[in-house]
Amino acid sequence: MTPFFVPDNFQVYLQTERRYSQHTVDAYLLDVRQFMEFAGINTEEGLKEVDYQLIRSWIVHLHEANYDNKSINRKLATLRTFFKFQLKSGKIEKNPAVKVTGPKQQKKLPAFAKQSDLEPESLDVLFTDDFGGVRDRLMLEMFYQTGIRLSELINLTEENVGPAAIKVLGKRNKERLIPISENLTKLINQFKLLKNSNLFKNKELFCLNNGKKVYPKFVYGKINYYLSLATSLDVKSPHVLRHTFATHMLNNGAGLETLKDILGHSSLAATQVYTHNSFAQLTHIYSSAHPRGHKNQ
């Protein structure tokens, strides 16, 4: 039996021009082979016979084979890349995947920690008072109290930390000021004293035990560890603390415009995802507090 057709130059394109990892290249090639098998194509000439209706039929086939929407959309994205490359190479006259839209994916609400899990008395027992313990506590509190991103925390300099606010360089090099609490300021000053006693002179606020700048894997690992102790979350990352900050702010009366500015979002659309979690909280409060809200009445 003739093997189903996948051009060798497509693999070279993925490896050299797109610079994908071998794992990603293998996944792309598997998706293309799967489509070729469905379409019965085993020659280069057969590519010209593919139209958008055939691709849509394949999507229906995948759906009936119990592939989830996320997997189907990934495979469709592979075909778009594949046929775009064939069009560029002059092997076909039009891209049949352009007109095809994938199934809608259900958006997952951002995970967040409960407010009670992050109360000071709940966290106090988790951290030591030495250099590493104070630094780790400060990293967690900085994420939770300001909502900054991982990259923003790593690049935060001592110069940009004031007594009442921090200056953050966000995406597209946009600067923003984020107010900080008195207790966070005290924790920052405590950590600075420990840095000075160790004679660490780096400009970044956060550093390793040897004075070198912290890096993403280190910060992620620390936050993951402490959130594992403090919460029952399935996902435990710095970004979860950003979600937690935003959700708790809305639940306690912050406006969307204010939250948008603090988070450094370019539009309200990105901020509005947190209103779903906030509404869930309001629904719970209503059900508990209103006389007509109790289900068993």
Protein backbone atom coordinates (compact mmCIF):
# COMPACT_ATOMS: atom_id res chain seq x y z
CA MET A 1 0.00 0.00 0.00
CA THR A 2 1.36 3.45 -0.92
CA PRO A 3 2.03 5.53 2.21
CA PHE A 4 -0.15 8.58 2.65
CA PHE A 5 1.56 11.67 1.30
CA VAL A 6 3.38 14.25 3.47
CA PRO A 7 5.94 16.40 1.59
CA ASP A 8 9.46 16.24 2.99
CA ASN A 9 9.93 19.97 2.41
CA PHE A 10 7.11 20.69 4.91
CA GLN A 11 9.09 18.96 7.64
CA VAL A 12 12.20 20.97 6.67
CA TYR A 13 10.12 24.16 6.76
CA LEU A 14 8.87 23.43 10.29
CA GLN A 15 12.37 22.61 11.51
CA THR A 16 14.37 25.39 9.85
CA GLU A 17 12.07 28.36 9.18
CA ARG A 18 9.58 27.95 12.03
CA ARG A 19 12.24 26.43 14.31
CA TYR A 20 9.77 24.17 16.07
CA SER A 21 10.93 21.51 18.51
CA GLN A 22 11.04 17.94 17.26
CA HIS A 23 8.05 17.13 19.47
CA THR A 24 6.00 19.87 17.77
CA VAL A 25 7.19 18.85 14.31
CA ASP A 26 6.13 15.26 14.96
CA ALA A 27 2.71 16.44 16.10
CA TYR A 28 2.25 18.53 12.93
CA LEU A 29 3.27 15.66 10.69
CA LEU A 30 0.93 13.28 12.51
CA ASP A 31 -1.99 15.68 12.00
CA VAL A 32 -1.23 16.02 8.28
CA ARG A 33 -0.90 12.24 7.83
CA GLN A 34 -4.21 11.78 9.64
CA PHE A 35 -5.94 14.15 7.23
CA MET A 36 -4.27 12.58 4.18
CA GLU A 37 -5.45 9.17 5.30
CA PHE A 38 -9.02 10.46 5.72
CA ALA A 39 -8.88 12.16 2.30
CA GLY A 40 -7.17 9.18 0.62
CA ILE A 41 -4.34 11.32 -0.74
CA ASN A 42 -1.02 9.60 -1.46
CA THR A 43 0.45 11.85 -4.17
CA GLU A 44 1.40 15.51 -4.45
CA GLU A 45 -1.12 15.92 -7.26
CA GLY A 46 -3.90 14.92 -4.85
CA LEU A 47 -3.39 18.10 -2.85
CA LYS A 48 -5.05 20.10 -5.63
CA GLU A 49 -8.30 18.18 -5.11
CA VAL A 50 -8.71 19.29 -1.49
CA ASP A 51 -11.44 21.87 -0.90
CA TYR A 52 -12.91 23.42 2.22
CA GLN A 53 -15.84 20.98 2.20
CA LEU A 54 -13.45 18.04 2.50
CA ILE A 55 -11.72 19.68 5.46
CA ARG A 56 -15.09 20.39 7.09
CA SER A 57 -16.01 16.72 6.60
CA TRP A 58 -12.79 15.77 8.38
CA ILE A 59 -13.71 18.01 11.30
CA VAL A 60 -17.08 16.29 11.55
CA HIS A 61 -15.28 12.95 11.45
CA LEU A 62 -12.99 14.01 14.30
CA HIS A 63 -15.95 15.19 16.33
CA GLU A 64 -17.73 11.87 15.83
CA ALA A 65 -14.50 10.11 16.89
CA ASN A 66 -14.81 11.96 20.24
CA TYR A 67 -11.94 14.42 19.78
CA ASP A 68 -12.49 17.45 21.98
CA ASN A 69 -12.81 20.94 20.48
CA LYS A 70 -9.34 21.97 21.59
CA SER A 71 -7.72 19.04 19.76
CA ILE A 72 -9.81 19.63 16.64
CA ASN A 73 -8.84 23.31 16.51
CA ARG A 74 -5.18 22.38 16.92
CA LYS A 75 -5.40 19.96 13.99
CA LEU A 76 -7.18 22.59 11.91
CA ALA A 77 -4.41 25.07 12.72
CA THR A 78 -1.92 22.49 11.45
CA LEU A 79 -3.79 22.18 8.15
CA ARG A 80 -3.88 25.95 7.75
CA THR A 81 -0.10 26.07 8.17
CA PHE A 82 0.37 23.10 5.83
CA PHE A 83 -1.75 24.46 2.98
CA LYS A 84 -0.37 27.98 3.41
CA PHE A 85 3.09 26.50 2.89
CA GLN A 86 1.91 24.55 -0.18
CA LEU A 87 0.39 27.72 -1.64
CA LYS A 88 3.64 29.60 -1.05
CA SER A 89 5.57 26.75 -2.69
CA GLY A 90 3.34 26.93 -5.79
CA LYS A 91 1.94 23.40 -5.34
CA ILE A 92 -1.68 24.61 -5.04
CA GLU A 93 -3.55 27.69 -6.31
CA LYS A 94 -5.57 28.51 -3.19
CA ASN A 95 -5.60 27.57 0.50
CA PRO A 96 -8.68 25.39 1.12
CA ALA A 97 -8.38 25.75 4.90
CA VAL A 98 -8.91 29.52 4.93
CA LYS A 99 -12.72 29.35 4.87
CA VAL A 100 -12.97 26.65 7.53
CA THR A 101 -13.78 27.66 11.10
CA GLY A 102 -13.27 25.32 14.01
CA PRO A 103 -15.68 24.50 16.81
CA LYS A 104 -16.01 26.96 19.65
CA GLN A 105 -13.97 26.20 22.72
CA GLN A 106 -15.46 26.68 26.15
CA LYS A 107 -13.38 29.27 27.95
CA LYS A 108 -12.14 28.15 31.32
CA LEU A 109 -12.56 30.62 34.12
CA PRO A 110 -9.27 31.64 35.74
CA ALA A 111 -8.45 29.58 38.82
CA PHE A 112 -7.94 31.52 42.03
CA ALA A 113 -7.23 30.87 45.69
CA LYS A 114 -9.74 31.44 48.45
CA GLN A 115 -9.20 34.60 50.46
CA SER A 116 -9.05 32.60 53.69
CA ASP A 117 -6.13 30.53 52.34
CA LEU A 118 -3.97 33.63 51.96
CA GLU A 119 -4.70 35.36 55.26
CA PRO A 120 -1.46 36.45 57.01
CA GLU A 121 -1.96 34.06 59.93
CA SER A 122 -2.37 31.17 57.48
CA LEU A 123 0.89 32.02 55.71
CA ASP A 124 3.02 32.95 58.74
CA VAL A 125 3.73 29.32 59.63
CA LEU A 126 4.99 28.50 56.12
CA PHE A 127 7.97 30.85 55.95
CA THR A 128 11.22 31.15 57.89
CA ASP A 129 12.77 34.47 58.99
CA ASP A 130 16.07 33.97 57.16
CA PHE A 131 17.05 35.43 53.78
CA GLY A 132 15.40 32.71 51.68
CA GLY A 133 12.22 32.61 53.76
CA VAL A 134 11.67 36.38 53.70
CA ARG A 135 12.40 36.53 49.97
CA ASP A 136 9.94 33.73 49.21
CA ARG A 137 7.24 35.35 51.36
CA LEU A 138 7.85 38.67 49.62
CA MET A 139 7.56 37.07 46.16
CA LEU A 140 4.23 35.47 47.07
CA GLU A 141 2.90 38.66 48.66
CA MET A 142 4.08 40.76 45.71
CA PHE A 143 2.16 38.57 43.28
CA TYR A 144 -0.95 38.48 45.46
CA GLN A 145 -0.98 42.14 46.51
CA THR A 146 -0.10 43.74 43.16
CA GLY A 147 -1.14 41.26 40.46
CA ILE A 148 2.13 41.67 38.56
CA ARG A 149 3.32 39.15 35.99
CA LEU A 150 6.21 36.74 36.49
CA SER A 151 8.51 38.63 34.11
CA GLU A 152 7.62 41.91 35.80
CA LEU A 153 8.53 40.58 39.23
CA ILE A 154 11.86 39.19 38.04
CA ASN A 155 12.85 42.53 36.47
CA LEU A 156 11.59 44.73 39.31
CA THR A 157 14.46 46.91 40.51
CA GLU A 158 15.06 48.44 43.93
CA GLU A 159 15.00 51.84 42.25
CA ASN A 160 11.41 51.24 41.13
CA VAL A 161 10.15 50.32 44.60
CA GLY A 162 8.86 53.31 46.58
CA PRO A 163 7.29 53.64 50.03
CA ALA A 164 3.74 53.62 48.67
CA ALA A 165 3.95 52.22 45.12
CA ILE A 166 6.03 50.21 42.68
CA LYS A 167 6.80 51.21 39.10
CA VAL A 168 6.41 48.26 36.75
CA LEU A 169 7.59 47.91 33.16
CA GLY A 170 4.93 45.80 31.48
CA LYS A 171 4.16 44.54 27.99
CA ARG A 172 5.11 46.79 25.07
CA ASN A 173 7.40 48.66 27.51
CA LYS A 174 4.44 50.42 29.11
CA GLU A 175 5.12 51.69 32.62
CA ARG A 176 2.48 51.69 35.33
CA LEU A 177 2.35 52.54 39.02
CA ILE A 178 0.81 50.05 41.42
CA PRO A 179 0.01 51.13 44.99
CA ILE A 180 1.30 48.88 47.76
CA SER A 181 0.20 48.41 51.37
CA GLU A 182 2.13 49.32 54.51
CA ASN A 183 2.68 45.67 55.39
CA LEU A 184 4.14 44.98 51.94
CA THR A 185 6.43 47.99 52.32
CA LYS A 186 7.62 46.64 55.69
CA LEU A 187 8.33 43.25 54.13
CA ILE A 188 10.26 44.89 51.29
CA ASN A 189 12.38 46.87 53.76
CA GLN A 190 13.01 43.73 55.82
CA PHE A 191 14.26 41.92 52.74
CA LYS A 192 16.45 44.87 51.70
CA LEU A 193 18.15 44.80 55.10
CA LEU A 194 18.87 41.09 54.67
CA LYS A 195 20.28 41.77 51.18
CA ASN A 196 22.55 44.49 52.54
CA SER A 197 23.78 42.28 55.38
CA ASN A 198 24.77 39.72 52.72
CA LEU A 199 26.50 42.48 50.72
CA PHE A 200 24.34 41.80 47.65
CA LYS A 201 24.57 44.81 45.34
CA ASN A 202 22.45 43.75 42.33
CA LYS A 203 19.94 46.32 41.07
CA GLU A 204 17.03 43.87 40.93
CA LEU A 205 14.93 43.58 44.08
CA PHE A 206 14.84 39.78 44.10
CA CYS A 207 17.92 37.58 44.07
CA LEU A 208 19.06 34.04 44.84
CA ASN A 209 20.95 33.01 47.98
CA ASN A 210 24.19 33.72 46.08
CA GLY A 211 23.11 37.23 45.06
CA LYS A 212 22.36 36.41 41.41
CA LYS A 213 19.12 37.45 39.73
CA VAL A 214 16.15 35.09 40.15
CA TYR A 215 14.92 33.31 37.02
CA PRO A 216 11.45 32.07 35.91
CA LYS A 217 11.84 28.39 36.82
CA PHE A 218 13.09 29.27 40.31
CA VAL A 219 10.22 31.68 41.03
CA TYR A 220 7.63 29.29 39.57
CA GLY A 221 8.94 26.43 41.71
CA LYS A 222 8.82 28.48 44.91
CA ILE A 223 5.27 29.72 44.32
CA ASN A 224 4.13 26.25 43.33
CA TYR A 225 5.57 24.83 46.56
CA TYR A 226 3.97 27.36 48.90
CA LEU A 227 0.59 27.32 47.14
CA SER A 228 0.64 23.53 47.50
CA LEU A 229 0.94 24.01 51.26
CA ALA A 230 -1.59 26.82 51.53
CA THR A 231 -4.32 25.83 49.06
CA SER A 232 -6.04 22.89 47.40
CA LEU A 233 -5.70 24.37 43.91
CA ASP A 234 -4.95 22.04 41.00
CA VAL A 235 -2.96 24.75 39.22
CA LYS A 236 -0.36 26.49 41.40
CA SER A 237 1.61 29.21 39.65
CA PRO A 238 2.46 32.92 39.79
CA HIS A 239 -0.29 33.56 37.23
CA VAL A 240 -2.85 31.98 39.56
CA LEU A 241 -1.90 34.63 42.13
CA ARG A 242 -2.48 37.29 39.48
CA HIS A 243 -5.94 35.80 38.90
CA THR A 244 -6.48 35.68 42.66
CA PHE A 245 -5.51 39.33 43.06
CA ALA A 246 -7.96 40.38 40.33
CA THR A 247 -10.83 38.25 41.63
CA HIS A 248 -10.43 39.37 45.24
CA MET A 249 -10.21 43.02 44.15
CA LEU A 250 -13.52 42.77 42.25
CA ASN A 251 -15.19 40.81 45.03
CA ASN A 252 -14.27 43.58 47.46
CA GLY A 253 -15.57 46.48 45.39
CA ALA A 254 -12.85 47.49 42.88
CA GLY A 255 -14.02 48.82 39.52
CA LEU A 256 -13.06 47.26 36.20
CA GLU A 257 -11.28 50.38 34.94
CA THR A 258 -9.14 50.54 38.08
CA LEU A 259 -8.33 46.84 37.84
CA LYS A 260 -7.49 47.19 34.13
CA ASP A 261 -4.92 49.90 34.91
CA ILE A 262 -3.34 47.97 37.77
CA LEU A 263 -3.06 44.75 35.75
CA GLY A 264 -1.64 46.58 32.75
CA HIS A 265 -4.30 45.35 30.31
CA SER A 266 -4.58 47.23 27.02
CA SER A 267 -8.38 46.90 26.95
CA LEU A 268 -11.29 46.08 29.25
CA ALA A 269 -11.99 42.87 27.33
CA ALA A 270 -9.05 41.13 29.00
CA THR A 271 -10.16 42.31 32.44
CA GLN A 272 -13.80 41.33 32.07
CA VAL A 273 -13.02 37.61 32.34
CA TYR A 274 -12.72 38.13 36.09
CA THR A 275 -16.30 39.37 36.37
CA HIS A 276 -17.48 35.77 35.96
CA ASN A 277 -15.69 34.74 39.14
CA SER A 278 -16.93 37.87 40.88
CA PHE A 279 -20.51 37.13 39.80
CA ALA A 280 -20.18 33.61 41.19
CA GLN A 281 -19.26 35.17 44.53
CA LEU A 282 -22.24 37.54 44.37
CA THR A 283 -24.54 34.62 43.58
CA HIS A 284 -23.26 32.76 46.62
CA ILE A 285 -23.80 35.81 48.84
CA TYR A 286 -27.32 36.30 47.47
CA SER A 287 -28.23 32.65 48.02
CA SER A 288 -26.96 32.81 51.59
CA ALA A 289 -28.34 36.21 52.58
CA HIS A 290 -31.64 36.85 50.81
CA PRO A 291 -34.84 35.31 52.26
CA ARG A 292 -35.88 34.12 48.81
CA GLY A 293 -32.39 32.94 47.94
CA HIS A 294 -32.43 29.76 50.01
CA LYS A 295 -33.08 26.74 47.80
CA ASN A 296 -34.77 24.67 50.50
CA GLN A 297 -37.51 27.18 51.29
